[in-house]
Amino acid sequence: MKLLKGLYCYIWRGWENNCNAYIIDGGLRVLIDPGHRKFLGWLLRSMESDGFTPRDIDFIINTHSHPDHCEANVDFVDMGRVKVAMHPLEEEYLRGEGALLFRWMGLDPDQITVHFHLAEELSLDGVKLKVIHTPGHTPGSVCIYWPDEEVLISGDLIFEGGVGRVDLPGGNGELLKRSIREISRLPIRYLLPGHGEIVVGREDVAENFRFVERVYFNWI
């Protein structure tokens, strides 16, 4: 689904766990969080409806390295010329305690290749993005912020009416709260989470931050 010029959203509404995926097309095309391999067909069909094939994708950015966000990296690398990026602390986590999640699910963490690490800014020809380190759900989680359009791709930091888990390996509630408070200061018109529905409109986004702090912060 095309949300804005150069921005496409693929919202997962299945009953099994998988993540939302996003494409930013700024000359170079970035796919953010392709999800689980077993749902790859859904993503490819959704992309095809917007005119994209796997070979059209230049980069994959993983907001974090949990399998429901990055397992399908493997297929995109095999099908095209895709390079994969994540935060350096997240690759360190993936090669350490984060590998437990893969093994619990019968998956191999070594199948995930990371070609380069994310810097604080990313330029895609005509689109400039900020990469914001937001630890808490995992040590190297990031949000992707598009200042010109006031778009935040939040991964598993914050959702519509919810927050990312902190009870998995590497989770830290205090860091999650700090990251949410820092992100809430940004001007945001479009909140695009890793799971659930998008939130549109500055006031609705601000109210979502207020709701999350009011409801969740006392028990995280």
C-alpha atoms as a PDB file:
ATOM      1  CA  MET A   1       0.000   0.000   0.000  1.00  0.00           C
ATOM      2  CA  LYS A   2       1.387   3.379  -0.977  1.00  0.00           C
ATOM      3  CA  LEU A   3       1.119   5.772   1.968  1.00  0.00           C
ATOM      4  CA  LEU A   4       3.175   8.690   0.654  1.00  0.00           C
ATOM      5  CA  LYS A   5       5.348   9.391  -2.353  1.00  0.00           C
ATOM      6  CA  GLY A   6       8.260   7.020  -1.873  1.00  0.00           C
ATOM      7  CA  LEU A   7       6.751   5.178   1.106  1.00  0.00           C
ATOM      8  CA  TYR A   8       4.959   1.817   0.991  1.00  0.00           C
ATOM      9  CA  CYS A   9       3.454  -0.044   3.939  1.00  0.00           C
ATOM     10  CA  TYR A  10       2.720  -3.768   4.260  1.00  0.00           C
ATOM     11  CA  ILE A  11       0.692  -4.291   7.432  1.00  0.00           C
ATOM     12  CA  TRP A  12       0.571  -7.858   8.712  1.00  0.00           C
ATOM     13  CA  ARG A  13      -2.919  -8.839   9.871  1.00  0.00           C
ATOM     14  CA  GLY A  14      -2.510 -12.606  10.085  1.00  0.00           C
ATOM     15  CA  TRP A  15      -3.176 -14.460  13.316  1.00  0.00           C
ATOM     16  CA  GLU A  16       0.360 -15.899  13.526  1.00  0.00           C
ATOM     17  CA  ASN A  17       3.243 -13.700  14.590  1.00  0.00           C
ATOM     18  CA  ASN A  18       4.951 -11.716  11.845  1.00  0.00           C
ATOM     19  CA  CYS A  19       5.963  -8.090  11.450  1.00  0.00           C
ATOM     20  CA  ASN A  20       4.942  -5.154   9.301  1.00  0.00           C
ATOM     21  CA  ALA A  21       7.303  -4.344   6.434  1.00  0.00           C
ATOM     22  CA  TYR A  22       8.008  -1.004   4.790  1.00  0.00           C
ATOM     23  CA  ILE A  23       9.704   0.178   1.598  1.00  0.00           C
ATOM     24  CA  ILE A  24      11.260   3.614   1.214  1.00  0.00           C
ATOM     25  CA  ASP A  25      11.923   4.409  -2.436  1.00  0.00           C
ATOM     26  CA  GLY A  26      14.300   7.325  -2.724  1.00  0.00           C
ATOM     27  CA  GLY A  27      16.108   6.287  -5.888  1.00  0.00           C
ATOM     28  CA  LEU A  28      17.774   3.589  -3.851  1.00  0.00           C
ATOM     29  CA  ARG A  29      15.133   1.283  -2.389  1.00  0.00           C
ATOM     30  CA  VAL A  30      15.216   0.133   1.222  1.00  0.00           C
ATOM     31  CA  LEU A  31      13.072  -2.653   2.645  1.00  0.00           C
ATOM     32  CA  ILE A  32      12.654  -2.447   6.403  1.00  0.00           C
ATOM     33  CA  ASP A  33      12.019  -5.721   8.264  1.00  0.00           C
ATOM     34  CA  PRO A  34      10.958  -8.428   5.773  1.00  0.00           C
ATOM     35  CA  GLY A  35       9.685 -10.718   8.534  1.00  0.00           C
ATOM     36  CA  HIS A  36       9.492 -14.504   8.735  1.00  0.00           C
ATOM     37  CA  ARG A  37      10.425 -16.715   5.790  1.00  0.00           C
ATOM     38  CA  LYS A  38       7.185 -18.693   5.958  1.00  0.00           C
ATOM     39  CA  PHE A  39       5.234 -15.498   5.185  1.00  0.00           C
ATOM     40  CA  LEU A  40       7.497 -14.393   2.361  1.00  0.00           C
ATOM     41  CA  GLY A  41       4.837 -15.175  -0.250  1.00  0.00           C
ATOM     42  CA  TRP A  42       2.466 -12.678   1.378  1.00  0.00           C
ATOM     43  CA  LEU A  43       5.136  -9.967   1.329  1.00  0.00           C
ATOM     44  CA  LEU A  44       6.171 -10.625  -2.266  1.00  0.00           C
ATOM     45  CA  ARG A  45       2.555 -10.506  -3.469  1.00  0.00           C
ATOM     46  CA  SER A  46       2.013  -7.274  -1.550  1.00  0.00           C
ATOM     47  CA  MET A  47       5.162  -5.747  -3.036  1.00  0.00           C
ATOM     48  CA  GLU A  48       4.212  -6.901  -6.515  1.00  0.00           C
ATOM     49  CA  SER A  49       0.913  -5.019  -6.253  1.00  0.00           C
ATOM     50  CA  ASP A  50       3.020  -1.848  -5.929  1.00  0.00           C
ATOM     51  CA  GLY A  51       5.343  -2.798  -8.793  1.00  0.00           C
ATOM     52  CA  PHE A  52       8.296  -4.140  -6.790  1.00  0.00           C
ATOM     53  CA  THR A  53      10.207  -7.395  -7.161  1.00  0.00           C
ATOM     54  CA  PRO A  54      12.987  -8.656  -4.860  1.00  0.00           C
ATOM     55  CA  ARG A  55      15.565  -7.497  -7.408  1.00  0.00           C
ATOM     56  CA  ASP A  56      14.311  -3.930  -7.025  1.00  0.00           C
ATOM     57  CA  ILE A  57      15.455  -3.819  -3.389  1.00  0.00           C
ATOM     58  CA  ASP A  58      18.932  -2.390  -2.791  1.00  0.00           C
ATOM     59  CA  PHE A  59      19.142  -2.618   0.999  1.00  0.00           C
ATOM     60  CA  ILE A  60      17.416  -4.242   3.933  1.00  0.00           C
ATOM     61  CA  ILE A  61      17.422  -2.465   7.272  1.00  0.00           C
ATOM     62  CA  ASN A  62      16.480  -4.496  10.309  1.00  0.00           C
ATOM     63  CA  THR A  63      15.121  -2.462  13.196  1.00  0.00           C
ATOM     64  CA  HIS A  64      16.315  -5.383  15.324  1.00  0.00           C
ATOM     65  CA  SER A  65      17.345  -9.001  14.882  1.00  0.00           C
ATOM     66  CA  HIS A  66      14.426 -11.022  16.226  1.00  0.00           C
ATOM     67  CA  PRO A  67      13.435 -13.757  13.749  1.00  0.00           C
ATOM     68  CA  ASP A  68       9.988 -12.289  13.074  1.00  0.00           C
ATOM     69  CA  HIS A  69      11.720  -9.213  11.663  1.00  0.00           C
ATOM     70  CA  CYS A  70      14.795 -10.535   9.894  1.00  0.00           C
ATOM     71  CA  GLU A  71      14.495 -14.231   9.039  1.00  0.00           C
ATOM     72  CA  ALA A  72      13.406 -13.534   5.426  1.00  0.00           C
ATOM     73  CA  ASN A  73      16.596 -11.508   4.853  1.00  0.00           C
ATOM     74  CA  VAL A  74      18.026 -14.783   3.621  1.00  0.00           C
ATOM     75  CA  ASP A  75      15.630 -15.053   0.690  1.00  0.00           C
ATOM     76  CA  PHE A  76      16.109 -11.475  -0.469  1.00  0.00           C
ATOM     77  CA  VAL A  77      19.881 -11.880  -0.426  1.00  0.00           C
ATOM     78  CA  ASP A  78      19.548 -15.113  -2.439  1.00  0.00           C
ATOM     79  CA  MET A  79      17.111 -13.611  -4.971  1.00  0.00           C
ATOM     80  CA  GLY A  80      18.776 -10.293  -5.647  1.00  0.00           C
ATOM     81  CA  ARG A  81      21.704  -8.013  -4.902  1.00  0.00           C
ATOM     82  CA  VAL A  82      20.486  -6.927  -1.495  1.00  0.00           C
ATOM     83  CA  LYS A  83      22.818  -5.744   1.243  1.00  0.00           C
ATOM     84  CA  VAL A  84      21.670  -6.061   4.865  1.00  0.00           C
ATOM     85  CA  ALA A  85      22.291  -3.482   7.575  1.00  0.00           C
ATOM     86  CA  MET A  86      21.632  -3.276  11.293  1.00  0.00           C
ATOM     87  CA  HIS A  87      23.063  -1.429  14.273  1.00  0.00           C
ATOM     88  CA  PRO A  88      26.507  -2.745  15.339  1.00  0.00           C
ATOM     89  CA  LEU A  89      25.240  -3.514  18.847  1.00  0.00           C
ATOM     90  CA  GLU A  90      22.397  -5.504  17.322  1.00  0.00           C
ATOM     91  CA  GLU A  91      24.708  -7.709  15.301  1.00  0.00           C
ATOM     92  CA  GLU A  92      26.718  -8.290  18.481  1.00  0.00           C
ATOM     93  CA  TYR A  93      23.474  -9.258  20.224  1.00  0.00           C
ATOM     94  CA  LEU A  94      22.473 -11.523  17.325  1.00  0.00           C
ATOM     95  CA  ARG A  95      25.778 -13.392  17.569  1.00  0.00           C
ATOM     96  CA  GLY A  96      25.390 -13.678  21.348  1.00  0.00           C
ATOM     97  CA  GLU A  97      22.300 -14.021  23.544  1.00  0.00           C
ATOM     98  CA  GLY A  98      19.974 -12.985  20.730  1.00  0.00           C
ATOM     99  CA  ALA A  99      20.773 -16.270  18.979  1.00  0.00           C
ATOM    100  CA  LEU A 100      18.712 -18.033  21.664  1.00  0.00           C
ATOM    101  CA  LEU A 101      15.455 -16.890  20.058  1.00  0.00           C
ATOM    102  CA  PHE A 102      16.431 -18.479  16.767  1.00  0.00           C
ATOM    103  CA  ARG A 103      17.392 -21.732  18.453  1.00  0.00           C
ATOM    104  CA  TRP A 104      14.191 -21.821  20.520  1.00  0.00           C
ATOM    105  CA  MET A 105      12.313 -21.698  17.213  1.00  0.00           C
ATOM    106  CA  GLY A 106      14.493 -24.336  15.556  1.00  0.00           C
ATOM    107  CA  LEU A 107      16.202 -21.725  13.354  1.00  0.00           C
ATOM    108  CA  ASP A 108      19.860 -21.063  12.612  1.00  0.00           C
ATOM    109  CA  PRO A 109      21.049 -17.545  13.554  1.00  0.00           C
ATOM    110  CA  ASP A 110      24.159 -17.951  11.413  1.00  0.00           C
ATOM    111  CA  GLN A 111      22.003 -17.768   8.281  1.00  0.00           C
ATOM    112  CA  ILE A 112      21.582 -14.013   8.870  1.00  0.00           C
ATOM    113  CA  THR A 113      24.284 -12.080   7.052  1.00  0.00           C
ATOM    114  CA  VAL A 114      25.020  -8.473   7.990  1.00  0.00           C
ATOM    115  CA  HIS A 115      26.896  -6.639   5.236  1.00  0.00           C
ATOM    116  CA  PHE A 116      27.359  -3.300   6.979  1.00  0.00           C
ATOM    117  CA  HIS A 117      26.435  -1.389  10.106  1.00  0.00           C
ATOM    118  CA  LEU A 118      24.089   1.549  10.270  1.00  0.00           C
ATOM    119  CA  ALA A 119      25.393   5.060  10.801  1.00  0.00           C
ATOM    120  CA  GLU A 120      23.309   7.849  12.311  1.00  0.00           C
ATOM    121  CA  GLU A 121      22.250   9.145   8.897  1.00  0.00           C
ATOM    122  CA  LEU A 122      21.373   7.409   5.647  1.00  0.00           C
ATOM    123  CA  SER A 123      21.004   9.134   2.278  1.00  0.00           C
ATOM    124  CA  LEU A 124      19.012   7.410  -0.477  1.00  0.00           C
ATOM    125  CA  ASP A 125      19.657   9.842  -3.299  1.00  0.00           C
ATOM    126  CA  GLY A 126      16.709  12.193  -2.705  1.00  0.00           C
ATOM    127  CA  VAL A 127      15.677  10.906   0.733  1.00  0.00           C
ATOM    128  CA  LYS A 128      17.601  11.558   3.923  1.00  0.00           C
ATOM    129  CA  LEU A 129      16.865   9.341   6.913  1.00  0.00           C
ATOM    130  CA  LYS A 130      17.979   9.416  10.520  1.00  0.00           C
ATOM    131  CA  VAL A 131      18.828   6.162  12.291  1.00  0.00           C
ATOM    132  CA  ILE A 132      18.077   6.518  15.998  1.00  0.00           C
ATOM    133  CA  HIS A 133      19.424   3.978  18.465  1.00  0.00           C
ATOM    134  CA  THR A 134      16.503   3.003  20.738  1.00  0.00           C
ATOM    135  CA  PRO A 135      17.584   0.186  23.085  1.00  0.00           C
ATOM    136  CA  GLY A 136      15.153  -1.561  25.379  1.00  0.00           C
ATOM    137  CA  HIS A 137      13.417  -4.254  23.331  1.00  0.00           C
ATOM    138  CA  THR A 138      16.905  -5.365  22.278  1.00  0.00           C
ATOM    139  CA  PRO A 139      20.293  -3.716  22.880  1.00  0.00           C
ATOM    140  CA  GLY A 140      20.726  -2.519  19.291  1.00  0.00           C
ATOM    141  CA  SER A 141      17.151  -1.692  18.277  1.00  0.00           C
ATOM    142  CA  VAL A 142      16.724   1.338  16.027  1.00  0.00           C
ATOM    143  CA  CYS A 143      13.959   3.576  14.750  1.00  0.00           C
ATOM    144  CA  ILE A 144      14.101   5.039  11.256  1.00  0.00           C
ATOM    145  CA  TYR A 145      13.030   8.686  11.065  1.00  0.00           C
ATOM    146  CA  TRP A 146      12.263  10.572   7.864  1.00  0.00           C
ATOM    147  CA  PRO A 147      12.318  14.222   8.962  1.00  0.00           C
ATOM    148  CA  ASP A 148      10.956  15.761   5.760  1.00  0.00           C
ATOM    149  CA  GLU A 149       7.774  13.699   5.986  1.00  0.00           C
ATOM    150  CA  GLU A 150       7.721  13.356   9.790  1.00  0.00           C
ATOM    151  CA  VAL A 151       7.601   9.574   9.467  1.00  0.00           C
ATOM    152  CA  LEU A 152       8.828   7.276  12.248  1.00  0.00           C
ATOM    153  CA  ILE A 153       9.307   3.563  11.613  1.00  0.00           C
ATOM    154  CA  SER A 154       9.445   2.393  15.192  1.00  0.00           C
ATOM    155  CA  GLY A 155      10.172  -1.337  15.029  1.00  0.00           C
ATOM    156  CA  ASP A 156       9.205  -2.907  18.363  1.00  0.00           C
ATOM    157  CA  LEU A 157       9.779   0.219  20.427  1.00  0.00           C
ATOM    158  CA  ILE A 158       6.175   1.415  20.434  1.00  0.00           C
ATOM    159  CA  PHE A 159       2.937   0.306  18.778  1.00  0.00           C
ATOM    160  CA  GLU A 160      -0.581   1.652  18.571  1.00  0.00           C
ATOM    161  CA  GLY A 161      -1.570   1.278  22.207  1.00  0.00           C
ATOM    162  CA  GLY A 162       1.412  -0.851  23.216  1.00  0.00           C
ATOM    163  CA  VAL A 163       5.152  -1.339  23.610  1.00  0.00           C
ATOM    164  CA  GLY A 164       7.729  -3.966  22.740  1.00  0.00           C
ATOM    165  CA  ARG A 165       8.402  -6.823  25.143  1.00  0.00           C
ATOM    166  CA  VAL A 166      11.265  -6.567  27.600  1.00  0.00           C
ATOM    167  CA  ASP A 167      11.048 -10.125  28.987  1.00  0.00           C
ATOM    168  CA  LEU A 168      13.054 -11.695  26.153  1.00  0.00           C
ATOM    169  CA  PRO A 169      16.858 -12.023  26.188  1.00  0.00           C
ATOM    170  CA  GLY A 170      18.432  -8.571  25.994  1.00  0.00           C
ATOM    171  CA  GLY A 171      15.280  -6.696  27.028  1.00  0.00           C
ATOM    172  CA  ASN A 172      15.528  -3.787  29.463  1.00  0.00           C
ATOM    173  CA  GLY A 173      12.465  -1.913  30.693  1.00  0.00           C
ATOM    174  CA  GLU A 174      14.283   1.200  31.892  1.00  0.00           C
ATOM    175  CA  LEU A 175      16.043   1.596  28.559  1.00  0.00           C
ATOM    176  CA  LEU A 176      12.777   1.081  26.695  1.00  0.00           C
ATOM    177  CA  LYS A 177      11.074   3.848  28.675  1.00  0.00           C
ATOM    178  CA  ARG A 178      14.009   6.180  28.108  1.00  0.00           C
ATOM    179  CA  SER A 179      13.985   5.447  24.367  1.00  0.00           C
ATOM    180  CA  ILE A 180      10.229   6.056  24.111  1.00  0.00           C
ATOM    181  CA  ARG A 181      10.530   9.385  25.925  1.00  0.00           C
ATOM    182  CA  GLU A 182      13.346  10.506  23.612  1.00  0.00           C
ATOM    183  CA  ILE A 183      11.459   9.517  20.466  1.00  0.00           C
ATOM    184  CA  SER A 184       8.261  11.196  21.675  1.00  0.00           C
ATOM    185  CA  ARG A 185       9.991  14.599  21.386  1.00  0.00           C
ATOM    186  CA  LEU A 186      10.233  14.283  17.595  1.00  0.00           C
ATOM    187  CA  PRO A 187       7.632  15.845  15.301  1.00  0.00           C
ATOM    188  CA  ILE A 188       5.795  12.758  14.025  1.00  0.00           C
ATOM    189  CA  ARG A 189       2.801  12.660  11.681  1.00  0.00           C
ATOM    190  CA  TYR A 190       3.051   8.981  10.771  1.00  0.00           C
ATOM    191  CA  LEU A 191       3.921   6.325  13.349  1.00  0.00           C
ATOM    192  CA  LEU A 192       4.680   3.063  11.529  1.00  0.00           C
ATOM    193  CA  PRO A 193       5.176   0.279  14.087  1.00  0.00           C
ATOM    194  CA  GLY A 194       6.625  -3.186  13.737  1.00  0.00           C
ATOM    195  CA  HIS A 195       3.265  -4.762  14.606  1.00  0.00           C
ATOM    196  CA  GLY A 196      -0.318  -3.560  14.465  1.00  0.00           C
ATOM    197  CA  GLU A 197      -1.871  -0.569  12.773  1.00  0.00           C
ATOM    198  CA  ILE A 198      -0.208   2.696  11.811  1.00  0.00           C
ATOM    199  CA  VAL A 199      -1.065   5.922  13.649  1.00  0.00           C
ATOM    200  CA  VAL A 200      -1.653   9.015  11.497  1.00  0.00           C
ATOM    201  CA  GLY A 201      -1.786  12.645  12.605  1.00  0.00           C
ATOM    202  CA  ARG A 202       0.403  14.584  15.031  1.00  0.00           C
ATOM    203  CA  GLU A 203      -2.201  14.716  17.785  1.00  0.00           C
ATOM    204  CA  ASP A 204      -3.095  11.031  17.484  1.00  0.00           C
ATOM    205  CA  VAL A 205       0.592  10.117  17.597  1.00  0.00           C
ATOM    206  CA  ALA A 206       1.151  12.351  20.632  1.00  0.00           C
ATOM    207  CA  GLU A 207      -1.878  10.855  22.377  1.00  0.00           C
ATOM    208  CA  ASN A 208      -0.521   7.373  21.680  1.00  0.00           C
ATOM    209  CA  PHE A 209       2.740   8.292  23.413  1.00  0.00           C
ATOM    210  CA  ARG A 210       0.788   9.705  26.361  1.00  0.00           C
ATOM    211  CA  PHE A 211      -1.366   6.577  26.562  1.00  0.00           C
ATOM    212  CA  VAL A 212       1.651   4.276  26.500  1.00  0.00           C
ATOM    213  CA  GLU A 213       3.406   6.204  29.255  1.00  0.00           C
ATOM    214  CA  ARG A 214       0.261   6.343  31.381  1.00  0.00           C
ATOM    215  CA  VAL A 215      -0.681   2.673  30.987  1.00  0.00           C
ATOM    216  CA  TYR A 216       2.588   0.785  30.584  1.00  0.00           C
ATOM    217  CA  PHE A 217       5.407   2.670  32.285  1.00  0.00           C
ATOM    218  CA  ASN A 218       4.519   1.648  35.826  1.00  0.00           C
ATOM    219  CA  TRP A 219       4.949  -2.058  35.130  1.00  0.00           C
ATOM    220  CA  ILE A 220       7.665  -2.227  32.452  1.00  0.00           C
END
